[in-house]
Amino acid sequence: MNVDRIVHLAAGLMVLVGVALAHYVHAYWLALPAFVGLNLAQSAFTGWCPLATMLKKAGVRE
């Protein structure tokens, strides 16, 4: 898997986990998918994604 696919996978899983935790534990867990969404939006405008940067430094192929 390359960096883009891992970023998409991680974002999707974080949204699903956040929604499930909000449903079963507490509504404050909706802050997690909101944070993921904001990060995806800012990376669309700036071209910089923190997870992609970390993955590249870890040696994952682009």
Protein backbone atom coordinates (compact mmCIF):
# COMPACT_ATOMS: atom_id res chain seq x y z
CA MET A 1 0.00 0.00 0.00
CA ASN A 2 1.17 3.49 -0.72
CA VAL A 3 0.87 6.65 1.38
CA ASP A 4 -2.37 7.89 -0.20
CA ARG A 5 -4.20 4.62 0.33
CA ILE A 6 -3.05 4.40 3.95
CA VAL A 7 -4.19 7.98 4.61
CA HIS A 8 -7.62 7.23 3.13
CA LEU A 9 -7.88 4.01 5.13
CA ALA A 10 -6.88 5.70 8.38
CA ALA A 11 -9.29 8.59 7.85
CA GLY A 12 -12.18 6.27 7.06
CA LEU A 13 -11.49 4.05 10.06
CA MET A 14 -11.17 7.04 12.41
CA VAL A 15 -14.53 8.41 11.23
CA LEU A 16 -16.22 5.03 11.69
CA VAL A 17 -14.67 4.51 15.13
CA GLY A 18 -15.63 8.03 16.22
CA VAL A 19 -19.24 7.59 15.15
CA ALA A 20 -19.48 4.18 16.81
CA LEU A 21 -18.02 5.53 20.06
CA ALA A 22 -20.42 8.47 19.94
CA HIS A 23 -23.32 6.08 19.56
CA TYR A 24 -22.29 3.60 22.24
CA VAL A 25 -20.27 5.68 24.72
CA HIS A 26 -20.79 9.44 24.62
CA ALA A 27 -21.69 12.10 22.07
CA TYR A 28 -18.42 13.94 22.72
CA TRP A 29 -16.70 11.30 20.60
CA LEU A 30 -18.12 13.11 17.56
CA ALA A 31 -15.17 15.46 17.99
CA LEU A 32 -12.95 12.72 16.51
CA PRO A 33 -14.65 12.52 13.08
CA ALA A 34 -14.97 16.33 13.12
CA PHE A 35 -11.20 16.62 13.63
CA VAL A 36 -10.55 14.11 10.84
CA GLY A 37 -12.87 16.03 8.51
CA LEU A 38 -11.19 19.34 9.29
CA ASN A 39 -7.78 17.81 8.71
CA LEU A 40 -8.90 16.40 5.35
CA ALA A 41 -10.29 19.80 4.34
CA GLN A 42 -7.13 21.67 5.30
CA SER A 43 -4.97 19.15 3.46
CA ALA A 44 -7.06 19.67 0.34
CA PHE A 45 -6.29 23.40 0.43
CA THR A 46 -2.70 23.32 1.65
CA GLY A 47 -1.45 20.02 0.24
CA TRP A 48 0.03 19.08 3.62
CA CYS A 49 -1.17 16.07 5.60
CA PRO A 50 0.49 15.25 8.94
CA LEU A 51 -0.11 11.50 8.59
CA ALA A 52 1.33 11.46 5.08
CA THR A 53 4.43 13.27 6.34
CA MET A 54 4.89 10.72 9.13
CA LEU A 55 4.39 7.80 6.77
CA LYS A 56 6.93 9.16 4.28
CA LYS A 57 9.49 9.61 7.07
CA ALA A 58 8.77 6.01 8.14
CA GLY A 59 9.72 4.83 4.66
CA VAL A 60 6.34 3.99 3.16
CA ARG A 61 6.45 4.26 -0.62
CA GLU A 62 4.63 7.10 -2.31
